Amino acid sequence: FKNAFNEKYFPRSVRLQKQREFLKLEQGNKTVAEYEAEFMKLSKFASAFKTDEDSKARKFEGGLRANIMQQVVPFELPTFGAVLN
């Protein structure tokens, strides 16, 4: 059902644009909560990150501001939830 819905209401061009936005997503001047919300919204369009927790965690870490990323990366947290916490 989800695939049929997305095919009908989200043209391929829109889905590809959202995938590109997700791949370029960084925290920037957003709070971590705002970054997480945007990350979750856009991750729906990046199928590779839906099931692979490690890839999702690494992508989220990589988009954090440098000062936050430096504090998180050394822990080598295995899941998105662990990185978020």
Protein backbone atom coordinates (compact mmCIF):
# COMPACT_ATOMS: atom_id res chain seq x y z
CA PHE A 1 0.00 0.00 0.00
CA LYS A 2 2.77 2.47 0.95
CA ASN A 3 4.55 1.94 -2.35
CA ALA A 4 1.36 2.41 -4.35
CA PHE A 5 0.51 5.55 -2.35
CA ASN A 6 3.98 7.02 -2.87
CA GLU A 7 3.93 6.20 -6.58
CA LYS A 8 0.60 7.98 -7.00
CA TYR A 9 1.07 11.04 -4.77
CA PHE A 10 4.83 11.55 -4.87
CA PRO A 11 6.14 11.67 -8.42
CA ARG A 12 9.56 10.12 -8.99
CA SER A 13 11.09 13.57 -9.42
CA VAL A 14 9.82 14.63 -5.97
CA ARG A 15 11.09 11.42 -4.35
CA LEU A 16 14.53 11.90 -5.94
CA GLN A 17 14.64 15.52 -4.77
CA LYS A 18 13.79 14.43 -1.21
CA GLN A 19 16.52 11.76 -1.37
CA ARG A 20 19.04 14.41 -2.42
CA GLU A 21 17.88 16.69 0.42
CA PHE A 22 18.35 13.80 2.85
CA LEU A 23 21.85 13.03 1.61
CA LYS A 24 22.86 16.70 1.97
CA LEU A 25 21.12 17.21 5.33
CA GLU A 26 23.23 18.71 8.13
CA GLN A 27 22.33 20.15 11.51
CA GLY A 28 23.65 23.61 10.73
CA ASN A 29 22.01 26.14 13.06
CA LYS A 30 19.12 23.82 13.99
CA THR A 31 18.76 22.30 17.44
CA VAL A 32 19.35 18.56 17.66
CA ALA A 33 15.58 18.09 17.99
CA GLU A 34 14.91 20.13 14.84
CA TYR A 35 17.65 18.24 12.99
CA GLU A 36 16.16 14.91 14.13
CA ALA A 37 12.68 15.92 12.94
CA GLU A 38 13.99 16.89 9.50
CA PHE A 39 16.15 13.74 9.38
CA MET A 40 13.16 11.52 10.16
CA LYS A 41 10.93 13.29 7.64
CA LEU A 42 13.45 12.98 4.81
CA SER A 43 14.74 9.51 5.72
CA LYS A 44 11.39 8.09 4.56
CA PHE A 45 12.54 8.86 1.03
CA ALA A 46 15.92 7.12 1.41
CA SER A 47 15.08 3.42 1.40
CA ALA A 48 18.63 2.30 2.25
CA PHE A 49 18.36 3.99 5.65
CA LYS A 50 14.97 2.49 6.58
CA THR A 51 16.31 -0.89 7.68
CA ASP A 52 20.03 -0.45 8.22
CA GLU A 53 20.41 1.00 11.72
CA ASP A 54 24.18 1.38 11.46
CA SER A 55 23.99 3.39 8.23
CA LYS A 56 21.22 5.52 9.68
CA ALA A 57 23.31 6.18 12.81
CA ARG A 58 26.41 7.09 10.78
CA LYS A 59 24.40 9.44 8.52
CA PHE A 60 22.87 11.20 11.53
CA GLU A 61 26.27 11.52 13.24
CA GLY A 62 27.84 12.87 10.06
CA GLY A 63 25.30 15.67 9.85
CA LEU A 64 25.76 16.90 13.40
CA ARG A 65 27.66 20.12 14.08
CA ALA A 66 31.39 19.42 14.48
CA ASN A 67 31.49 20.16 18.22
CA ILE A 68 28.65 17.70 18.89
CA MET A 69 29.92 15.10 16.44
CA GLN A 70 33.34 15.05 18.14
CA GLN A 71 31.65 14.09 21.41
CA VAL A 72 29.44 11.37 19.90
CA VAL A 73 31.61 9.57 17.32
CA PRO A 74 34.21 8.11 19.76
CA PHE A 75 31.47 6.03 21.42
CA GLU A 76 30.82 4.12 18.15
CA LEU A 77 27.12 3.84 18.96
CA PRO A 78 25.50 1.08 16.87
CA THR A 79 21.97 2.42 16.38
CA PHE A 80 20.24 5.64 15.47
CA GLY A 81 18.41 5.65 18.82
CA ALA A 82 21.67 5.32 20.73
CA VAL A 83 23.24 8.21 18.81
CA LEU A 84 20.16 10.35 19.36
CA ASN A 85 20.20 9.72 23.10
